[in-house]
Amino acid sequence: MLDAFAAEARARGVAHRTVLGRWPDAAPVAGTADVVVCHHVLHNVVDLVPFLQALTEAAHRGVVVEMMAEHPMAWLDPLWVRFHDLHRPRPATTDDAAAVLREIGVEPVVERWERVVPPRQDPAWVTRRLCLPEHTVPEVADALERLRRPRLAATLSWPVG
């Protein structure tokens, strides 16, 4: 992802810098920038407050975060129920992230939008993801035909300083 980001930034003539590492541990190496961006990782952050605080502290002008409206793998939840009778917890949402930001004194601008229809997932990949035996691929493929993939996403942004 860093290579893709850097290539796109170069193609657009935008000054940029990338740092490979876990956030917020990599914050001291990353330093600061006018705008700090975060793309599709909030759903998997265990301790959100230090993560968001470090994003904010690294920005001179503002922070922009893009995320799905709910966890990107939540669309598989009905299949966990169907094949394992496993009811997963309610997925984290954009509203949850915005609430955490408000708790630390940040009022985000939340822009909701719809992404292009996502491609259908490979039934063999989904079968492995669901920890099912290979012979169930046809049944998983059938279930995928009836499953709606979410398209809602959001951009959260906030000024700094």
Foldseek 3Di string as FASTA:
>chain_A
DVVVVVVVCVVVVHDDDDDDDDPPVCLVVVAADQEAEAEACQQPDPDLLRRVVSNQVRHPWKYKYKHFQWRQCVLCQVVLCVPPVDHDDDTDGPVNSQVSCVVVPFHKDKDKDFADQDDQDQLQVSCVVSVHDNVCSVVSVVVSVVGGRGGMMIMIMTTHD
